[in-house]
């Protein structure tokens, strides 16, 4: 007799509350770090996508800043960037980045303190230090990409739009975020179900 084993739960993505995001993104003395974290959250990027951004990837149209992002498998997408994140990046480029950059040297937007491209490891170290100081919990990792998707869905964004913004090729990957929205789902059932 063949008995099917029960389906196991997928690991749900961890995300920050809005209050935790606000605390993480509060201004610091380091403009580059502030700009990077704001862009990561505002555009829902993967860390690799963030650190490999080049100056040519930034576009502006009608006062809206867009990023041309190269994701997994070399797939490209356009992602709008929030006004606050775009302003921080502009200020960083005019000041701190300009001081580090030698003409023709490095095309990446975000540079290390030595003027080299920022690495995933260096970015991870700075985020670790920031979360340890702001949350008093050194092992607390900020899942800003997950937070981006979750907060959009909580505010009524449709799944297809979030899929496009995240660069997921399969919508089932994006659907994982719907499982972390029990309050939103409860509200939908209460509002639309005849016996909700």
N, C-alpha and C. Protein backbone atom coordinates (compact mmCIF):
# COMPACT_ATOMS: atom_id res chain seq x y z
N UNK A 1 0.84 -1.18 0.00
CA UNK A 1 0.00 0.00 0.00
C UNK A 1 0.89 1.25 0.00
N UNK A 2 0.66 2.15 -0.94
CA UNK A 2 1.42 3.40 -1.01
C UNK A 2 0.67 4.50 -0.29
N UNK A 3 1.31 5.07 0.68
CA UNK A 3 0.70 6.18 1.42
C UNK A 3 1.51 7.44 1.13
N UNK A 4 0.79 8.45 0.67
CA UNK A 4 1.47 9.72 0.38
C UNK A 4 1.82 10.42 1.68
N UNK A 5 3.03 10.92 1.73
CA UNK A 5 3.41 11.68 2.93
C UNK A 5 2.76 13.06 2.84
N UNK A 6 2.45 13.65 4.00
CA UNK A 6 1.80 14.97 3.97
C UNK A 6 2.72 16.01 3.36
N UNK A 7 2.11 16.98 2.68
CA UNK A 7 2.90 18.05 2.09
C UNK A 7 3.48 18.91 3.21
N UNK A 8 4.73 19.24 3.05
CA UNK A 8 5.37 20.08 4.06
C UNK A 8 5.18 21.54 3.70
N UNK A 9 5.20 22.38 4.71
CA UNK A 9 5.08 23.82 4.49
C UNK A 9 6.34 24.33 3.83
N UNK A 10 6.16 25.24 2.91
CA UNK A 10 7.32 25.95 2.37
C UNK A 10 7.78 26.94 3.44
N UNK A 11 9.07 27.24 3.43
CA UNK A 11 9.56 28.24 4.36
C UNK A 11 9.03 29.60 3.93
N UNK A 12 8.35 30.26 4.82
CA UNK A 12 7.78 31.56 4.48
C UNK A 12 8.86 32.63 4.55
N UNK A 13 8.80 33.60 3.65
CA UNK A 13 9.81 34.66 3.69
C UNK A 13 9.67 35.52 4.93
N UNK A 14 10.81 35.88 5.50
CA UNK A 14 10.79 36.78 6.65
C UNK A 14 10.74 38.21 6.13
N UNK A 15 10.06 39.08 6.85
CA UNK A 15 9.97 40.47 6.42
C UNK A 15 9.89 41.37 7.64
N UNK A 16 10.14 42.65 7.40
CA UNK A 16 10.11 43.65 8.46
C UNK A 16 8.77 44.35 8.47
N UNK A 17 8.37 44.80 9.65
CA UNK A 17 7.19 45.64 9.74
C UNK A 17 7.57 47.02 9.22
N UNK A 18 6.58 47.86 8.97
CA UNK A 18 6.87 49.23 8.52
C UNK A 18 7.70 49.98 9.55
N UNK A 19 7.41 49.75 10.84
CA UNK A 19 8.18 50.43 11.91
C UNK A 19 9.63 49.98 11.88
N UNK A 20 9.87 48.69 11.65
CA UNK A 20 11.25 48.19 11.58
C UNK A 20 11.97 48.74 10.36
N UNK A 21 11.28 48.84 9.25
CA UNK A 21 11.88 49.43 8.04
C UNK A 21 12.24 50.89 8.30
N UNK A 22 11.32 51.64 8.94
CA UNK A 22 11.60 53.05 9.25
C UNK A 22 12.84 53.18 10.13
N UNK A 23 12.97 52.30 11.11
CA UNK A 23 14.13 52.36 12.01
C UNK A 23 15.41 52.05 11.25
N UNK A 24 15.36 51.03 10.37
CA UNK A 24 16.54 50.66 9.60
C UNK A 24 16.95 51.75 8.63
N UNK A 25 15.96 52.43 8.03
CA UNK A 25 16.25 53.44 7.01
C UNK A 25 16.43 54.85 7.57
N UNK A 26 16.33 55.00 8.87
CA UNK A 26 16.54 56.33 9.46
C UNK A 26 17.95 56.82 9.10
N UNK A 27 18.10 58.13 8.88
CA UNK A 27 19.39 58.66 8.44
C UNK A 27 20.54 58.32 9.38
N UNK A 28 21.70 58.12 8.77
CA UNK A 28 22.93 57.86 9.52
C UNK A 28 23.99 58.84 9.04
N UNK A 29 25.21 58.65 9.50
CA UNK A 29 26.31 59.52 9.07
C UNK A 29 26.88 59.07 7.73
N UNK A 30 26.44 57.91 7.23
CA UNK A 30 27.00 57.37 6.00
C UNK A 30 25.96 57.44 4.87
N UNK A 31 26.13 58.41 4.00
CA UNK A 31 25.18 58.66 2.92
C UNK A 31 25.09 57.48 1.95
N UNK A 32 26.23 56.86 1.64
CA UNK A 32 26.22 55.72 0.72
C UNK A 32 25.36 54.58 1.27
N UNK A 33 25.57 54.24 2.55
CA UNK A 33 24.81 53.15 3.16
C UNK A 33 23.32 53.48 3.18
N UNK A 34 23.00 54.72 3.52
CA UNK A 34 21.60 55.15 3.52
C UNK A 34 20.99 54.98 2.13
N UNK A 35 21.72 55.44 1.11
CA UNK A 35 21.21 55.37 -0.27
C UNK A 35 21.02 53.92 -0.70
N UNK A 36 21.98 53.05 -0.39
CA UNK A 36 21.89 51.65 -0.79
C UNK A 36 20.69 50.96 -0.15
N UNK A 37 20.50 51.17 1.14
CA UNK A 37 19.38 50.52 1.83
C UNK A 37 18.04 51.04 1.32
N UNK A 38 17.97 52.34 1.06
CA UNK A 38 16.73 52.92 0.53
C UNK A 38 16.41 52.34 -0.85
N UNK A 39 17.41 52.21 -1.71
CA UNK A 39 17.18 51.66 -3.05
C UNK A 39 16.79 50.18 -2.96
N UNK A 40 17.45 49.44 -2.09
CA UNK A 40 17.14 48.02 -1.92
C UNK A 40 15.66 47.83 -1.57
N UNK A 41 15.17 48.65 -0.65
CA UNK A 41 13.77 48.54 -0.23
C UNK A 41 12.82 49.18 -1.26
N UNK A 42 13.17 50.35 -1.76
CA UNK A 42 12.27 51.08 -2.67
C UNK A 42 12.06 50.35 -3.99
N UNK A 43 13.04 49.58 -4.44
CA UNK A 43 12.94 48.90 -5.74
C UNK A 43 12.82 47.38 -5.61
N UNK A 44 12.90 46.86 -4.39
CA UNK A 44 12.76 45.42 -4.19
C UNK A 44 13.85 44.61 -4.85
N UNK A 45 15.08 45.13 -4.83
CA UNK A 45 16.19 44.47 -5.52
C UNK A 45 16.78 43.33 -4.71
N UNK A 46 17.44 42.41 -5.41
CA UNK A 46 18.32 41.44 -4.76
C UNK A 46 19.62 42.19 -4.47
N UNK A 47 20.38 41.71 -3.49
CA UNK A 47 21.64 42.39 -3.13
C UNK A 47 22.59 42.41 -4.32
N UNK A 48 22.68 41.32 -5.06
CA UNK A 48 23.56 41.27 -6.24
C UNK A 48 23.14 42.32 -7.26
N UNK A 49 21.83 42.49 -7.46
CA UNK A 49 21.35 43.49 -8.41
C UNK A 49 21.74 44.89 -7.94
N UNK A 50 21.70 45.12 -6.65
CA UNK A 50 22.05 46.43 -6.09
C UNK A 50 23.53 46.75 -6.29
N UNK A 51 24.40 45.82 -5.90
CA UNK A 51 25.84 46.12 -5.94
C UNK A 51 26.40 46.14 -7.36
N UNK A 52 25.68 45.55 -8.32
CA UNK A 52 26.18 45.58 -9.70
C UNK A 52 25.56 46.70 -10.53
N UNK A 53 24.71 47.54 -9.91
CA UNK A 53 24.13 48.67 -10.65
C UNK A 53 25.23 49.57 -11.18
N UNK A 54 25.10 49.95 -12.44
CA UNK A 54 26.05 50.88 -13.05
C UNK A 54 25.37 52.23 -13.25
N UNK A 55 26.16 53.24 -13.46
CA UNK A 55 25.62 54.58 -13.67
C UNK A 55 24.67 54.62 -14.87
N UNK A 56 24.95 53.81 -15.88
CA UNK A 56 24.11 53.79 -17.08
C UNK A 56 22.74 53.14 -16.84
N UNK A 57 22.57 52.47 -15.69
CA UNK A 57 21.30 51.80 -15.38
C UNK A 57 20.24 52.75 -14.81
N UNK A 58 20.61 54.01 -14.54
CA UNK A 58 19.68 54.96 -13.95
C UNK A 58 19.06 55.81 -15.05
N UNK A 59 17.73 55.88 -15.06
CA UNK A 59 17.02 56.65 -16.07
C UNK A 59 15.96 57.52 -15.40
N UNK A 60 15.69 58.66 -15.98
CA UNK A 60 14.65 59.53 -15.45
C UNK A 60 13.69 59.90 -16.58
N UNK A 61 12.40 59.83 -16.26
CA UNK A 61 11.39 60.15 -17.25
C UNK A 61 10.21 60.82 -16.54
N UNK A 62 9.96 62.07 -16.88
CA UNK A 62 8.84 62.78 -16.28
C UNK A 62 8.94 62.92 -14.77
N UNK A 63 10.16 63.06 -14.29
CA UNK A 63 10.36 63.22 -12.85
C UNK A 63 10.38 61.91 -12.08
N UNK A 64 10.25 60.78 -12.78
CA UNK A 64 10.28 59.47 -12.13
C UNK A 64 11.61 58.80 -12.47
N UNK A 65 12.26 58.27 -11.44
CA UNK A 65 13.53 57.57 -11.64
C UNK A 65 13.25 56.08 -11.83
N UNK A 66 13.88 55.50 -12.85
CA UNK A 66 13.75 54.07 -13.13
C UNK A 66 15.14 53.44 -13.12
N UNK A 67 15.17 52.18 -12.74
CA UNK A 67 16.39 51.40 -12.81
C UNK A 67 16.22 50.32 -13.87
N UNK A 68 17.24 50.16 -14.68
CA UNK A 68 17.30 49.03 -15.60
C UNK A 68 18.10 47.95 -14.88
N UNK A 69 17.40 46.93 -14.43
CA UNK A 69 18.00 45.91 -13.56
C UNK A 69 18.21 44.62 -14.34
N UNK A 70 19.38 44.03 -14.17
CA UNK A 70 19.65 42.71 -14.74
C UNK A 70 19.55 41.70 -13.62
N UNK A 71 18.55 40.82 -13.72
CA UNK A 71 18.29 39.84 -12.67
C UNK A 71 18.87 38.48 -13.01
N UNK A 72 18.30 37.46 -12.37
CA UNK A 72 18.76 36.09 -12.59
C UNK A 72 18.56 35.69 -14.04
N UNK A 73 19.51 34.95 -14.56
CA UNK A 73 19.43 34.49 -15.94
C UNK A 73 19.62 35.61 -16.95
N UNK A 74 20.14 36.75 -16.50
CA UNK A 74 20.38 37.87 -17.40
C UNK A 74 19.11 38.59 -17.84
N UNK A 75 17.97 38.27 -17.19
CA UNK A 75 16.71 38.92 -17.56
C UNK A 75 16.72 40.37 -17.09
N UNK A 76 16.28 41.26 -17.97
CA UNK A 76 16.25 42.69 -17.63
C UNK A 76 14.82 43.15 -17.35
N UNK A 77 14.72 44.12 -16.45
CA UNK A 77 13.43 44.71 -16.14
C UNK A 77 13.64 46.17 -15.75
N UNK A 78 12.59 46.96 -15.93
CA UNK A 78 12.61 48.35 -15.48
C UNK A 78 11.84 48.44 -14.17
N UNK A 79 12.44 49.09 -13.18
CA UNK A 79 11.82 49.20 -11.86
C UNK A 79 11.82 50.67 -11.45
N UNK A 80 10.65 51.20 -11.08
CA UNK A 80 10.63 52.58 -10.58
C UNK A 80 11.26 52.65 -9.20
N UNK A 81 11.88 53.78 -8.91
CA UNK A 81 12.52 53.99 -7.60
C UNK A 81 11.80 55.13 -6.91
N UNK A 82 11.52 54.96 -5.64
CA UNK A 82 10.84 56.01 -4.88
C UNK A 82 11.63 57.31 -4.86
N UNK A 83 10.90 58.40 -4.66
CA UNK A 83 11.50 59.74 -4.70
C UNK A 83 12.61 59.91 -3.66
N UNK A 84 12.36 59.45 -2.44
CA UNK A 84 13.35 59.64 -1.37
C UNK A 84 14.64 58.88 -1.69
N UNK A 85 14.51 57.63 -2.16
CA UNK A 85 15.69 56.85 -2.51
C UNK A 85 16.44 57.50 -3.67
N UNK A 86 15.71 57.98 -4.67
CA UNK A 86 16.34 58.62 -5.84
C UNK A 86 17.11 59.88 -5.41
N UNK A 87 16.54 60.66 -4.52
CA UNK A 87 17.21 61.88 -4.04
C UNK A 87 18.48 61.54 -3.26
N UNK A 88 18.42 60.51 -2.43
CA UNK A 88 19.61 60.10 -1.67
C UNK A 88 20.73 59.67 -2.62
N UNK A 89 20.37 58.93 -3.67
CA UNK A 89 21.39 58.48 -4.64
C UNK A 89 21.98 59.68 -5.37
N UNK A 90 21.14 60.63 -5.77
CA UNK A 90 21.65 61.83 -6.46
C UNK A 90 22.63 62.58 -5.57
N UNK A 91 22.29 62.74 -4.30
CA UNK A 91 23.18 63.44 -3.36
C UNK A 91 24.48 62.66 -3.18
N UNK A 92 24.39 61.34 -3.05
CA UNK A 92 25.57 60.48 -2.91
C UNK A 92 26.48 60.62 -4.13
N UNK A 93 25.89 60.62 -5.33
CA UNK A 93 26.69 60.72 -6.55
C UNK A 93 27.39 62.06 -6.65
N UNK A 94 26.71 63.13 -6.20
CA UNK A 94 27.31 64.47 -6.28
C UNK A 94 28.41 64.68 -5.25
N UNK A 95 28.39 63.92 -4.17
CA UNK A 95 29.31 64.17 -3.07
C UNK A 95 30.26 62.99 -2.84
N UNK A 96 29.84 62.04 -2.02
CA UNK A 96 30.72 60.94 -1.60
C UNK A 96 31.27 60.12 -2.77
N UNK A 97 30.43 59.77 -3.74
CA UNK A 97 30.91 58.96 -4.86
C UNK A 97 31.89 59.75 -5.71
N UNK A 98 31.59 61.01 -5.95
CA UNK A 98 32.47 61.84 -6.77
C UNK A 98 33.86 61.93 -6.15
N UNK A 99 33.94 61.96 -4.82
CA UNK A 99 35.23 62.05 -4.14
C UNK A 99 36.04 60.77 -4.27
N UNK A 100 35.36 59.63 -4.47
CA UNK A 100 36.05 58.34 -4.56
C UNK A 100 36.39 57.93 -5.99
N UNK A 101 35.66 58.46 -6.93
CA UNK A 101 35.71 57.95 -8.30
C UNK A 101 36.72 58.69 -9.15
N UNK A 102 37.55 57.93 -9.86
CA UNK A 102 38.47 58.51 -10.84
C UNK A 102 37.86 58.28 -12.21
N UNK A 103 37.86 59.29 -13.11
CA UNK A 103 37.24 59.13 -14.42
C UNK A 103 37.69 57.86 -15.14
N UNK A 104 36.72 57.11 -15.63
CA UNK A 104 37.02 55.89 -16.35
C UNK A 104 37.33 54.69 -15.48
N UNK A 105 37.28 54.87 -14.15
CA UNK A 105 37.71 53.80 -13.26
C UNK A 105 36.65 52.71 -13.09
N UNK A 106 35.56 53.02 -12.44
CA UNK A 106 34.57 52.00 -12.08
C UNK A 106 33.18 52.47 -12.48
N UNK A 107 32.45 51.68 -13.25
CA UNK A 107 31.12 52.11 -13.68
C UNK A 107 30.02 51.91 -12.64
N UNK A 108 30.29 51.09 -11.59
CA UNK A 108 29.26 50.81 -10.59
C UNK A 108 28.87 52.08 -9.84
N UNK A 109 27.60 52.14 -9.47
CA UNK A 109 27.11 53.31 -8.74
C UNK A 109 27.66 53.33 -7.32
N UNK A 110 27.60 52.20 -6.64
CA UNK A 110 27.98 52.17 -5.23
C UNK A 110 29.40 51.63 -5.08
N UNK A 111 30.25 52.45 -4.47
CA UNK A 111 31.66 52.13 -4.33
C UNK A 111 32.04 51.88 -2.88
N UNK A 112 33.08 51.07 -2.70
CA UNK A 112 33.63 50.86 -1.36
C UNK A 112 34.40 52.12 -0.96
N UNK A 113 34.86 52.14 0.26
CA UNK A 113 35.61 53.31 0.74
C UNK A 113 36.94 53.48 0.00
N UNK A 114 37.36 52.46 -0.75
CA UNK A 114 38.60 52.55 -1.53
C UNK A 114 38.34 52.85 -2.99
N UNK A 115 37.08 53.14 -3.34
CA UNK A 115 36.74 53.48 -4.71
C UNK A 115 36.53 52.29 -5.62
N UNK A 116 36.44 51.10 -5.03
CA UNK A 116 36.21 49.89 -5.82
C UNK A 116 34.71 49.56 -5.81
N UNK A 117 34.29 48.65 -6.69
CA UNK A 117 32.87 48.24 -6.64
C UNK A 117 32.53 47.63 -5.29
N UNK A 118 31.36 47.93 -4.79
CA UNK A 118 30.89 47.35 -3.54
C UNK A 118 30.63 45.86 -3.75
N UNK A 119 31.06 45.03 -2.82
CA UNK A 119 30.80 43.59 -2.93
C UNK A 119 29.61 43.20 -2.07
N UNK A 120 29.05 42.03 -2.35
CA UNK A 120 27.94 41.51 -1.53
C UNK A 120 28.37 41.36 -0.08
N UNK A 121 29.62 40.88 0.12
CA UNK A 121 30.12 40.64 1.46
C UNK A 121 30.25 41.94 2.25
N UNK A 122 30.80 42.97 1.59
CA UNK A 122 30.96 44.26 2.26
C UNK A 122 29.60 44.84 2.60
N UNK A 123 28.66 44.73 1.67
CA UNK A 123 27.31 45.22 1.94
C UNK A 123 26.68 44.45 3.10
N UNK A 124 26.87 43.13 3.11
CA UNK A 124 26.34 42.30 4.19
C UNK A 124 26.91 42.71 5.54
N UNK A 125 28.20 43.03 5.58
CA UNK A 125 28.84 43.46 6.82
C UNK A 125 28.26 44.77 7.31
N UNK A 126 28.05 45.73 6.40
CA UNK A 126 27.52 47.02 6.85
C UNK A 126 26.07 46.90 7.31
N UNK A 127 25.29 46.03 6.65
CA UNK A 127 23.91 45.84 7.08
C UNK A 127 23.88 45.15 8.43
N UNK A 128 24.76 44.17 8.63
CA UNK A 128 24.84 43.46 9.91
C UNK A 128 25.14 44.44 11.04
N UNK A 129 26.12 45.32 10.81
CA UNK A 129 26.48 46.31 11.83
C UNK A 129 25.32 47.26 12.11
N UNK A 130 24.64 47.66 11.06
CA UNK A 130 23.52 48.60 11.24
C UNK A 130 22.36 47.97 11.99
N UNK A 131 22.03 46.73 11.65
CA UNK A 131 20.92 46.09 12.35
C UNK A 131 21.28 45.80 13.80
N UNK A 132 22.55 45.45 14.04
CA UNK A 132 22.97 45.19 15.42
C UNK A 132 22.83 46.43 16.27
N UNK A 133 23.15 47.61 15.71
CA UNK A 133 23.07 48.84 16.49
C UNK A 133 21.64 49.35 16.62
N UNK A 134 20.82 49.15 15.60
CA UNK A 134 19.46 49.70 15.63
C UNK A 134 18.44 48.78 16.24
N UNK A 135 18.72 47.48 16.25
CA UNK A 135 17.75 46.53 16.81
C UNK A 135 18.28 45.83 18.05
N UNK A 136 19.55 46.07 18.40
CA UNK A 136 20.21 45.38 19.50
C UNK A 136 20.09 43.86 19.35
N UNK A 137 20.13 43.43 18.12
CA UNK A 137 20.03 42.00 17.82
C UNK A 137 20.92 41.69 16.62
N UNK A 138 22.18 41.31 16.88
CA UNK A 138 23.15 41.15 15.79
C UNK A 138 22.78 40.10 14.75
N UNK A 139 21.89 39.16 15.09
CA UNK A 139 21.55 38.12 14.12
C UNK A 139 20.27 38.43 13.36
N UNK A 140 19.77 39.63 13.55
CA UNK A 140 18.54 40.03 12.87
C UNK A 140 18.89 40.50 11.47
N UNK A 141 18.44 39.77 10.47
CA UNK A 141 18.76 40.14 9.08
C UNK A 141 17.59 40.91 8.47
N UNK A 142 17.85 42.03 7.82
CA UNK A 142 16.75 42.79 7.20
C UNK A 142 16.39 42.23 5.83
N UNK A 143 15.24 41.64 5.74
CA UNK A 143 14.80 41.08 4.47
C UNK A 143 14.04 42.15 3.71
N UNK A 144 14.76 43.11 3.18
CA UNK A 144 14.10 44.27 2.56
C UNK A 144 13.37 43.91 1.27
N UNK A 145 13.87 42.98 0.51
CA UNK A 145 13.18 42.57 -0.71
C UNK A 145 11.84 41.92 -0.35
N UNK A 146 11.87 41.03 0.65
CA UNK A 146 10.63 40.40 1.11
C UNK A 146 9.67 41.44 1.68
N UNK A 147 10.22 42.41 2.39
CA UNK A 147 9.39 43.46 2.98
C UNK A 147 8.74 44.30 1.88
N UNK A 148 9.49 44.62 0.85
CA UNK A 148 8.98 45.37 -0.31
C UNK A 148 7.75 44.67 -0.88
N UNK A 149 7.88 43.37 -1.17
CA UNK A 149 6.77 42.61 -1.77
C UNK A 149 5.59 42.51 -0.82
N UNK A 150 5.86 42.22 0.43
CA UNK A 150 4.80 42.06 1.41
C UNK A 150 4.03 43.36 1.61
N UNK A 151 4.75 44.48 1.72
CA UNK A 151 4.08 45.76 1.95
C UNK A 151 3.25 46.18 0.74
N UNK A 152 3.72 45.88 -0.47
CA UNK A 152 2.93 46.18 -1.67
C UNK A 152 1.62 45.38 -1.66
N UNK A 153 1.73 44.09 -1.38
CA UNK A 153 0.54 43.24 -1.38
C UNK A 153 -0.43 43.64 -0.26
N UNK A 154 0.10 44.00 0.89
CA UNK A 154 -0.75 44.43 2.01
C UNK A 154 -1.56 45.67 1.64
N UNK A 155 -1.02 46.49 0.76
CA UNK A 155 -1.71 47.72 0.37
C UNK A 155 -2.52 47.57 -0.91
N UNK A 156 -2.69 46.32 -1.34
CA UNK A 156 -3.60 46.07 -2.45
C UNK A 156 -2.98 45.94 -3.82
N UNK A 157 -1.66 45.90 -3.92
CA UNK A 157 -1.03 45.71 -5.24
C UNK A 157 -1.40 44.32 -5.77
N UNK A 158 -1.57 44.20 -7.09
CA UNK A 158 -1.91 42.89 -7.64
C UNK A 158 -0.66 42.04 -7.81
N UNK A 159 -0.86 40.75 -7.76
CA UNK A 159 0.24 39.79 -7.76
C UNK A 159 1.09 39.89 -9.02
N UNK A 160 0.47 40.10 -10.17
CA UNK A 160 1.21 40.20 -11.44
C UNK A 160 2.19 41.38 -11.43
N UNK A 161 1.73 42.52 -10.90
CA UNK A 161 2.61 43.70 -10.83
C UNK A 161 3.80 43.44 -9.93
N UNK A 162 3.54 42.82 -8.79
CA UNK A 162 4.63 42.50 -7.86
C UNK A 162 5.58 41.50 -8.50
N UNK A 163 5.04 40.54 -9.25
CA UNK A 163 5.88 39.58 -9.96
C UNK A 163 6.82 40.30 -10.91
N UNK A 164 6.30 41.26 -11.68
CA UNK A 164 7.13 42.01 -12.63
C UNK A 164 8.20 42.82 -11.91
N UNK A 165 7.81 43.48 -10.82
CA UNK A 165 8.77 44.31 -10.09
C UNK A 165 9.91 43.48 -9.50
N UNK A 166 9.58 42.28 -9.04
CA UNK A 166 10.60 41.41 -8.45
C UNK A 166 11.42 40.66 -9.50
N UNK A 167 10.89 40.59 -10.73
CA UNK A 167 11.61 39.86 -11.78
C UNK A 167 11.45 38.36 -11.68
N UNK A 168 10.35 37.88 -11.08
CA UNK A 168 10.11 36.44 -11.00
C UNK A 168 9.58 35.94 -12.34
N UNK A 169 10.14 34.85 -12.84
CA UNK A 169 9.65 34.30 -14.10
C UNK A 169 8.37 33.50 -13.88
N UNK A 170 8.19 32.96 -12.69
CA UNK A 170 7.01 32.14 -12.39
C UNK A 170 6.20 32.81 -11.27
N UNK A 171 4.93 32.99 -11.49
CA UNK A 171 4.10 33.68 -10.49
C UNK A 171 3.97 32.89 -9.20
N UNK A 172 4.21 31.57 -9.25
CA UNK A 172 4.12 30.77 -8.03
C UNK A 172 5.19 31.21 -7.02
N UNK A 173 6.31 31.72 -7.50
CA UNK A 173 7.34 32.25 -6.60
C UNK A 173 6.81 33.48 -5.88
N UNK A 174 6.12 34.33 -6.60
CA UNK A 174 5.56 35.55 -6.01
C UNK A 174 4.41 35.21 -5.07
N UNK A 175 3.65 34.16 -5.40
CA UNK A 175 2.51 33.78 -4.57
C UNK A 175 2.90 33.43 -3.15
N UNK A 176 4.15 33.05 -2.96
CA UNK A 176 4.63 32.73 -1.61
C UNK A 176 4.37 33.89 -0.65
N UNK A 177 4.44 35.12 -1.17
CA UNK A 177 4.24 36.28 -0.31
C UNK A 177 2.80 36.42 0.17
N UNK A 178 1.86 35.80 -0.53
CA UNK A 178 0.47 35.91 -0.09
C UNK A 178 0.24 35.13 1.19
N UNK A 179 1.10 34.17 1.50
CA UNK A 179 0.93 33.37 2.71
C UNK A 179 1.34 34.12 3.97
N UNK A 180 1.99 35.26 3.81
CA UNK A 180 2.42 36.00 4.99
C UNK A 180 1.48 37.16 5.27
N UNK A 181 0.30 37.13 4.68
CA UNK A 181 -0.64 38.23 4.83
C UNK A 181 -1.95 37.81 5.50
N UNK A 182 -1.88 37.14 6.65
CA UNK A 182 -3.13 36.66 7.25
C UNK A 182 -4.12 37.77 7.56
N UNK A 183 -3.67 38.91 8.00
CA UNK A 183 -4.59 40.01 8.32
C UNK A 183 -5.28 40.51 7.06
N UNK A 184 -4.55 40.62 5.96
CA UNK A 184 -5.12 41.07 4.69
C UNK A 184 -6.14 40.04 4.18
N UNK A 185 -5.79 38.76 4.26
CA UNK A 185 -6.70 37.72 3.80
C UNK A 185 -7.96 37.69 4.66
N UNK A 186 -7.78 37.86 5.96
CA UNK A 186 -8.93 37.88 6.86
C UNK A 186 -9.87 39.05 6.49
N UNK A 187 -9.28 40.19 6.18
CA UNK A 187 -10.08 41.36 5.80
C UNK A 187 -10.84 41.10 4.50
N UNK A 188 -10.19 40.45 3.51
CA UNK A 188 -10.84 40.15 2.23
C UNK A 188 -12.02 39.20 2.45
N UNK A 189 -11.80 38.15 3.25
CA UNK A 189 -12.88 37.19 3.52
C UNK A 189 -14.03 37.90 4.23
N UNK A 190 -13.71 38.69 5.23
CA UNK A 190 -14.73 39.40 5.98
C UNK A 190 -15.53 40.35 5.09
N UNK A 191 -14.83 41.00 4.17
CA UNK A 191 -15.46 42.01 3.31
C UNK A 191 -16.26 41.38 2.15
N UNK A 192 -15.78 40.27 1.60
CA UNK A 192 -16.37 39.76 0.36
C UNK A 192 -17.11 38.43 0.48
N UNK A 193 -16.85 37.65 1.51
CA UNK A 193 -17.51 36.36 1.62
C UNK A 193 -18.91 36.54 2.23
N UNK A 194 -19.92 35.87 1.69
CA UNK A 194 -21.28 36.09 2.17
C UNK A 194 -21.48 35.74 3.64
N UNK A 195 -20.66 34.86 4.15
CA UNK A 195 -20.77 34.51 5.58
C UNK A 195 -19.49 34.85 6.32
N UNK A 196 -18.75 35.84 5.77
CA UNK A 196 -17.48 36.25 6.38
C UNK A 196 -17.70 37.02 7.61
